[in-house]
Amino acid sequence: VVGVAVGPEVPADLRPRLPDVAAAHAGAGISVAWGAVSESGSLILPSTGTRAVQLLPPVHVVWVPEGRVFARMEDALRELLDGLPAAVGLHSGPSKSADIGRTVVTGVHGPGRCMVVFI
């Protein structure tokens, strides 16, 4: 990894000692999830200022606060309603698309690898 793209929400003590580069040129992107759902293996990612960091680099490292792991999606959504951001993304595995020739292609959007770190 030559450089990383770091989301603005990542605290200084969790930022790597690597050059910070634009997401389109980064070897990895680092962001903080709003939460995670164990039932579905989903990450709940905020859309504020970090979409490029989450989607463009080939590797996405996601910090998940330990107190934000929910058993079921209903539990997470109930908690989310208290401080609902403009938009969130529910990420539950590689993307799939069949919009060209009705042929399903896996992994067409987003990073090739995602690493989740519970903090």
N, C-alpha and C. Protein backbone atom coordinates (compact mmCIF):
# COMPACT_ATOMS: atom_id res chain seq x y z
N VAL A 1 0.85 -1.18 0.00
CA VAL A 1 0.00 0.00 0.00
C VAL A 1 0.89 1.24 0.00
N VAL A 2 0.79 2.02 -1.04
CA VAL A 2 1.59 3.24 -1.16
C VAL A 2 0.97 4.38 -0.37
N GLY A 3 -0.32 4.50 -0.43
CA GLY A 3 -1.03 5.55 0.29
C GLY A 3 -2.43 5.09 0.61
N VAL A 4 -3.07 5.77 1.53
CA VAL A 4 -4.42 5.42 1.93
C VAL A 4 -5.33 6.64 1.85
N ALA A 5 -6.59 6.38 1.66
CA ALA A 5 -7.61 7.42 1.73
C ALA A 5 -8.32 7.22 3.05
N VAL A 6 -8.39 8.27 3.85
CA VAL A 6 -8.95 8.16 5.19
C VAL A 6 -10.17 9.08 5.30
N GLY A 7 -11.27 8.51 5.75
CA GLY A 7 -12.49 9.29 5.92
C GLY A 7 -12.32 10.33 7.01
N PRO A 8 -13.04 11.45 6.91
CA PRO A 8 -12.90 12.53 7.89
C PRO A 8 -13.34 12.15 9.29
N GLU A 9 -14.14 11.08 9.42
CA GLU A 9 -14.64 10.67 10.73
C GLU A 9 -13.66 9.78 11.49
N VAL A 10 -12.56 9.38 10.86
CA VAL A 10 -11.58 8.50 11.51
C VAL A 10 -10.75 9.31 12.50
N PRO A 11 -10.76 8.94 13.78
CA PRO A 11 -9.99 9.68 14.79
C PRO A 11 -8.48 9.62 14.50
N ALA A 12 -7.77 10.63 14.94
CA ALA A 12 -6.33 10.73 14.69
C ALA A 12 -5.56 9.51 15.17
N ASP A 13 -5.95 8.93 16.30
CA ASP A 13 -5.21 7.78 16.83
C ASP A 13 -5.45 6.49 16.04
N LEU A 14 -6.42 6.49 15.13
CA LEU A 14 -6.67 5.32 14.28
C LEU A 14 -6.19 5.51 12.85
N ARG A 15 -5.59 6.65 12.57
CA ARG A 15 -5.07 6.91 11.23
C ARG A 15 -3.70 6.27 11.08
N PRO A 16 -3.47 5.58 9.97
CA PRO A 16 -2.16 4.94 9.77
C PRO A 16 -1.08 5.96 9.46
N ARG A 17 0.15 5.56 9.66
CA ARG A 17 1.29 6.43 9.34
C ARG A 17 1.74 6.18 7.91
N LEU A 18 0.84 6.41 7.00
CA LEU A 18 1.08 6.27 5.57
C LEU A 18 0.61 7.55 4.91
N PRO A 19 1.12 7.84 3.72
CA PRO A 19 0.66 9.05 3.03
C PRO A 19 -0.85 9.00 2.77
N ASP A 20 -1.51 10.12 2.99
CA ASP A 20 -2.94 10.24 2.72
C ASP A 20 -3.08 10.70 1.27
N VAL A 21 -3.76 9.90 0.45
CA VAL A 21 -3.92 10.22 -0.97
C VAL A 21 -5.40 10.20 -1.33
N ALA A 22 -5.71 10.70 -2.52
CA ALA A 22 -7.09 10.69 -2.99
C ALA A 22 -7.58 9.25 -3.13
N ALA A 23 -8.86 9.03 -2.87
CA ALA A 23 -9.43 7.68 -2.87
C ALA A 23 -9.20 6.95 -4.19
N ALA A 24 -9.26 7.66 -5.30
CA ALA A 24 -9.08 7.02 -6.61
C ALA A 24 -7.68 6.45 -6.80
N HIS A 25 -6.71 6.92 -6.04
CA HIS A 25 -5.31 6.48 -6.18
C HIS A 25 -4.81 5.69 -4.98
N ALA A 26 -5.66 5.46 -4.01
CA ALA A 26 -5.24 4.82 -2.76
C ALA A 26 -5.21 3.30 -2.88
N GLY A 27 -4.29 2.69 -2.15
CA GLY A 27 -4.24 1.24 -2.06
C GLY A 27 -5.30 0.70 -1.12
N ALA A 28 -5.76 1.55 -0.20
CA ALA A 28 -6.79 1.16 0.77
C ALA A 28 -7.56 2.40 1.21
N GLY A 29 -8.79 2.19 1.59
CA GLY A 29 -9.61 3.24 2.17
C GLY A 29 -9.95 2.84 3.60
N ILE A 30 -9.98 3.82 4.49
CA ILE A 30 -10.27 3.55 5.90
C ILE A 30 -11.43 4.44 6.32
N SER A 31 -12.46 3.81 6.91
CA SER A 31 -13.60 4.58 7.39
C SER A 31 -14.13 3.96 8.68
N VAL A 32 -15.06 4.67 9.30
CA VAL A 32 -15.69 4.19 10.53
C VAL A 32 -17.15 3.90 10.22
N ALA A 33 -17.60 2.70 10.56
CA ALA A 33 -19.01 2.33 10.35
C ALA A 33 -19.87 2.92 11.46
N TRP A 34 -21.12 3.18 11.14
CA TRP A 34 -22.06 3.58 12.19
C TRP A 34 -22.35 2.38 13.07
N GLY A 35 -22.36 1.18 12.47
CA GLY A 35 -22.62 -0.04 13.22
C GLY A 35 -22.52 -1.26 12.34
N ALA A 36 -22.85 -2.41 12.92
CA ALA A 36 -22.84 -3.68 12.19
C ALA A 36 -23.97 -4.55 12.72
N VAL A 37 -24.44 -5.45 11.87
CA VAL A 37 -25.53 -6.36 12.24
C VAL A 37 -25.03 -7.79 12.10
N SER A 38 -24.99 -8.51 13.21
CA SER A 38 -24.44 -9.87 13.19
C SER A 38 -25.33 -10.85 12.44
N GLU A 39 -26.64 -10.69 12.50
CA GLU A 39 -27.58 -11.60 11.85
C GLU A 39 -27.31 -11.72 10.34
N SER A 40 -27.02 -10.60 9.70
CA SER A 40 -26.83 -10.58 8.25
C SER A 40 -25.38 -10.35 7.83
N GLY A 41 -24.52 -10.03 8.80
CA GLY A 41 -23.14 -9.70 8.46
C GLY A 41 -23.03 -8.35 7.78
N SER A 42 -23.98 -7.47 8.02
CA SER A 42 -24.03 -6.18 7.34
C SER A 42 -23.25 -5.11 8.09
N LEU A 43 -22.65 -4.22 7.32
CA LEU A 43 -22.05 -3.01 7.86
C LEU A 43 -23.01 -1.86 7.55
N ILE A 44 -23.18 -0.97 8.51
CA ILE A 44 -24.01 0.22 8.31
C ILE A 44 -23.03 1.38 8.17
N LEU A 45 -22.91 1.87 6.93
CA LEU A 45 -21.91 2.89 6.64
C LEU A 45 -22.57 4.22 6.35
N PRO A 46 -22.09 5.29 6.99
CA PRO A 46 -22.64 6.62 6.73
C PRO A 46 -22.24 7.09 5.34
N SER A 47 -23.05 7.94 4.76
CA SER A 47 -22.75 8.44 3.42
C SER A 47 -22.11 9.82 3.45
N THR A 48 -21.91 10.37 4.61
CA THR A 48 -21.40 11.74 4.71
C THR A 48 -19.89 11.81 4.52
N GLY A 49 -19.47 12.25 3.35
CA GLY A 49 -18.06 12.52 3.08
C GLY A 49 -17.14 11.34 2.91
N THR A 50 -17.66 10.10 2.94
CA THR A 50 -16.76 8.95 2.88
C THR A 50 -17.09 7.97 1.76
N ARG A 51 -18.03 8.25 0.90
CA ARG A 51 -18.42 7.30 -0.13
C ARG A 51 -17.24 6.91 -1.02
N ALA A 52 -16.44 7.87 -1.45
CA ALA A 52 -15.29 7.55 -2.31
C ALA A 52 -14.29 6.68 -1.56
N VAL A 53 -14.08 6.96 -0.29
CA VAL A 53 -13.15 6.17 0.54
C VAL A 53 -13.66 4.73 0.67
N GLN A 54 -14.97 4.56 0.76
CA GLN A 54 -15.57 3.23 0.92
C GLN A 54 -15.59 2.43 -0.38
N LEU A 55 -15.66 3.09 -1.53
CA LEU A 55 -15.91 2.39 -2.78
C LEU A 55 -14.76 2.33 -3.78
N LEU A 56 -13.88 3.33 -3.81
CA LEU A 56 -12.88 3.38 -4.88
C LEU A 56 -11.61 2.56 -4.65
N PRO A 57 -10.99 2.57 -3.48
CA PRO A 57 -9.77 1.77 -3.30
C PRO A 57 -10.06 0.26 -3.40
N PRO A 58 -9.06 -0.54 -3.76
CA PRO A 58 -9.27 -1.99 -3.88
C PRO A 58 -9.49 -2.69 -2.53
N VAL A 59 -9.10 -2.05 -1.43
CA VAL A 59 -9.28 -2.61 -0.09
C VAL A 59 -9.98 -1.57 0.77
N HIS A 60 -10.97 -2.00 1.54
CA HIS A 60 -11.66 -1.09 2.47
C HIS A 60 -11.50 -1.63 3.88
N VAL A 61 -10.89 -0.84 4.75
CA VAL A 61 -10.75 -1.19 6.16
C VAL A 61 -11.81 -0.40 6.92
N VAL A 62 -12.64 -1.11 7.66
CA VAL A 62 -13.75 -0.47 8.37
C VAL A 62 -13.58 -0.67 9.86
N TRP A 63 -13.52 0.43 10.59
CA TRP A 63 -13.50 0.38 12.06
C TRP A 63 -14.96 0.33 12.50
N VAL A 64 -15.31 -0.62 13.37
CA VAL A 64 -16.67 -0.72 13.91
C VAL A 64 -16.59 -0.57 15.43
N PRO A 65 -17.22 0.47 15.99
CA PRO A 65 -17.23 0.61 17.44
C PRO A 65 -17.91 -0.60 18.10
N GLU A 66 -17.27 -1.14 19.11
CA GLU A 66 -17.74 -2.37 19.77
C GLU A 66 -19.19 -2.26 20.26
N GLY A 67 -19.57 -1.10 20.75
CA GLY A 67 -20.92 -0.91 21.26
C GLY A 67 -21.98 -0.74 20.19
N ARG A 68 -21.58 -0.82 18.93
CA ARG A 68 -22.51 -0.63 17.82
C ARG A 68 -22.71 -1.90 17.00
N VAL A 69 -22.55 -3.06 17.64
CA VAL A 69 -22.82 -4.34 16.97
C VAL A 69 -24.18 -4.81 17.46
N PHE A 70 -25.10 -4.97 16.53
CA PHE A 70 -26.48 -5.32 16.86
C PHE A 70 -26.77 -6.75 16.40
N ALA A 71 -27.59 -7.45 17.16
CA ALA A 71 -27.94 -8.83 16.81
C ALA A 71 -28.79 -8.87 15.54
N ARG A 72 -29.79 -7.98 15.46
CA ARG A 72 -30.73 -8.00 14.34
C ARG A 72 -30.83 -6.62 13.70
N MET A 73 -31.22 -6.59 12.44
CA MET A 73 -31.38 -5.32 11.72
C MET A 73 -32.40 -4.43 12.41
N GLU A 74 -33.47 -5.02 12.94
CA GLU A 74 -34.49 -4.23 13.62
C GLU A 74 -33.90 -3.45 14.80
N ASP A 75 -32.99 -4.09 15.53
CA ASP A 75 -32.35 -3.42 16.67
C ASP A 75 -31.52 -2.24 16.20
N ALA A 76 -30.79 -2.43 15.12
CA ALA A 76 -29.95 -1.36 14.59
C ALA A 76 -30.80 -0.20 14.09
N LEU A 77 -31.87 -0.51 13.37
CA LEU A 77 -32.72 0.55 12.82
C LEU A 77 -33.42 1.33 13.92
N ARG A 78 -33.82 0.64 14.98
CA ARG A 78 -34.45 1.33 16.11
C ARG A 78 -33.48 2.35 16.70
N GLU A 79 -32.23 1.95 16.86
CA GLU A 79 -31.19 2.84 17.40
C GLU A 79 -30.86 3.95 16.41
N LEU A 80 -30.83 3.61 15.14
CA LEU A 80 -30.48 4.57 14.10
C LEU A 80 -31.50 5.70 14.00
N LEU A 81 -32.76 5.41 14.28
CA LEU A 81 -33.80 6.42 14.18
C LEU A 81 -33.58 7.59 15.13
N ASP A 82 -32.85 7.37 16.21
CA ASP A 82 -32.58 8.45 17.16
C ASP A 82 -31.68 9.53 16.57
N GLY A 83 -30.80 9.17 15.66
CA GLY A 83 -29.89 10.15 15.06
C GLY A 83 -29.71 9.87 13.59
N LEU A 84 -30.82 9.77 12.87
CA LEU A 84 -30.80 9.36 11.48
C LEU A 84 -30.04 10.34 10.60
N PRO A 85 -28.96 9.89 9.95
CA PRO A 85 -28.27 10.75 9.00
C PRO A 85 -29.07 10.84 7.69
N ALA A 86 -28.61 11.67 6.77
CA ALA A 86 -29.32 11.84 5.50
C ALA A 86 -29.44 10.52 4.74
N ALA A 87 -28.40 9.70 4.81
CA ALA A 87 -28.43 8.40 4.12
C ALA A 87 -27.38 7.49 4.74
N VAL A 88 -27.64 6.20 4.69
CA VAL A 88 -26.67 5.20 5.11
C VAL A 88 -26.64 4.10 4.05
N GLY A 89 -25.54 3.37 4.02
CA GLY A 89 -25.44 2.22 3.13
C GLY A 89 -25.40 0.96 3.96
N LEU A 90 -26.15 -0.04 3.55
CA LEU A 90 -26.11 -1.35 4.20
C LEU A 90 -25.28 -2.26 3.30
N HIS A 91 -24.09 -2.59 3.74
CA HIS A 91 -23.16 -3.39 2.93
C HIS A 91 -23.10 -4.80 3.50
N SER A 92 -23.48 -5.78 2.68
CA SER A 92 -23.56 -7.17 3.15
C SER A 92 -22.90 -8.14 2.18
N GLY A 93 -21.76 -7.79 1.66
CA GLY A 93 -21.06 -8.68 0.74
C GLY A 93 -20.82 -8.02 -0.59
N PRO A 94 -20.26 -8.77 -1.52
CA PRO A 94 -19.93 -8.17 -2.82
C PRO A 94 -21.18 -7.77 -3.59
N SER A 95 -21.06 -6.72 -4.38
CA SER A 95 -22.19 -6.27 -5.18
C SER A 95 -22.45 -7.24 -6.32
N LYS A 96 -23.68 -7.21 -6.80
CA LYS A 96 -24.05 -8.02 -7.96
C LYS A 96 -24.86 -7.15 -8.89
N SER A 97 -24.70 -7.38 -10.16
CA SER A 97 -25.45 -6.64 -11.16
C SER A 97 -25.77 -7.57 -12.32
N ALA A 98 -26.95 -7.39 -12.88
CA ALA A 98 -27.34 -8.14 -14.08
C ALA A 98 -27.94 -7.19 -15.10
N ASP A 99 -27.49 -5.94 -15.07
CA ASP A 99 -28.10 -4.93 -15.92
C ASP A 99 -27.59 -4.96 -17.36
N ILE A 100 -26.56 -5.73 -17.65
CA ILE A 100 -26.07 -5.83 -19.03
C ILE A 100 -26.28 -7.27 -19.50
N GLY A 101 -27.19 -7.46 -20.41
CA GLY A 101 -27.45 -8.77 -20.97
C GLY A 101 -28.01 -9.79 -20.00
N ARG A 102 -28.55 -9.34 -18.88
CA ARG A 102 -29.13 -10.21 -17.86
C ARG A 102 -28.15 -11.28 -17.37
N THR A 103 -26.89 -10.98 -17.41
CA THR A 103 -25.86 -11.88 -16.90
C THR A 103 -25.40 -11.36 -15.55
N VAL A 104 -25.52 -12.18 -14.51
CA VAL A 104 -25.14 -11.76 -13.17
C VAL A 104 -23.62 -11.71 -13.05
N VAL A 105 -23.13 -10.55 -12.65
CA VAL A 105 -21.70 -10.35 -12.43
C VAL A 105 -21.52 -9.94 -10.97
N THR A 106 -20.61 -10.60 -10.27
CA THR A 106 -20.36 -10.31 -8.85
C THR A 106 -19.13 -9.42 -8.71
N GLY A 107 -19.22 -8.47 -7.79
CA GLY A 107 -18.08 -7.63 -7.46
C GLY A 107 -17.81 -6.50 -8.43
N VAL A 108 -18.86 -5.96 -9.04
CA VAL A 108 -18.66 -4.90 -10.03
C VAL A 108 -18.53 -3.52 -9.41
N HIS A 109 -18.99 -3.34 -8.19
CA HIS A 109 -18.92 -2.05 -7.51
C HIS A 109 -18.19 -2.22 -6.19
N GLY A 110 -17.41 -1.25 -5.83
CA GLY A 110 -16.76 -1.28 -4.52
C GLY A 110 -15.45 -2.04 -4.49
N PRO A 111 -14.88 -2.16 -3.30
CA PRO A 111 -13.56 -2.78 -3.16
C PRO A 111 -13.60 -4.30 -3.37
N GLY A 112 -12.45 -4.85 -3.70
CA GLY A 112 -12.33 -6.30 -3.84
C GLY A 112 -12.23 -7.01 -2.50
N ARG A 113 -11.72 -6.29 -1.50
CA ARG A 113 -11.58 -6.87 -0.15
C ARG A 113 -12.08 -5.86 0.88
N CYS A 114 -12.68 -6.38 1.92
CA CYS A 114 -13.13 -5.55 3.03
C CYS A 114 -12.66 -6.19 4.32
N MET A 115 -11.99 -5.42 5.14
CA MET A 115 -11.52 -5.90 6.45
C MET A 115 -12.23 -5.12 7.54
N VAL A 116 -12.81 -5.82 8.49
CA VAL A 116 -13.55 -5.19 9.57
C VAL A 116 -12.76 -5.34 10.86
N VAL A 117 -12.58 -4.21 11.55
CA VAL A 117 -11.83 -4.19 12.81
C VAL A 117 -12.77 -3.63 13.88
N PHE A 118 -13.00 -4.42 14.93
CA PHE A 118 -13.87 -3.96 16.02
C PHE A 118 -13.03 -3.23 17.05
N ILE A 119 -13.46 -2.00 17.38
CA ILE A 119 -12.69 -1.17 18.32
C ILE A 119 -13.53 -0.85 19.54
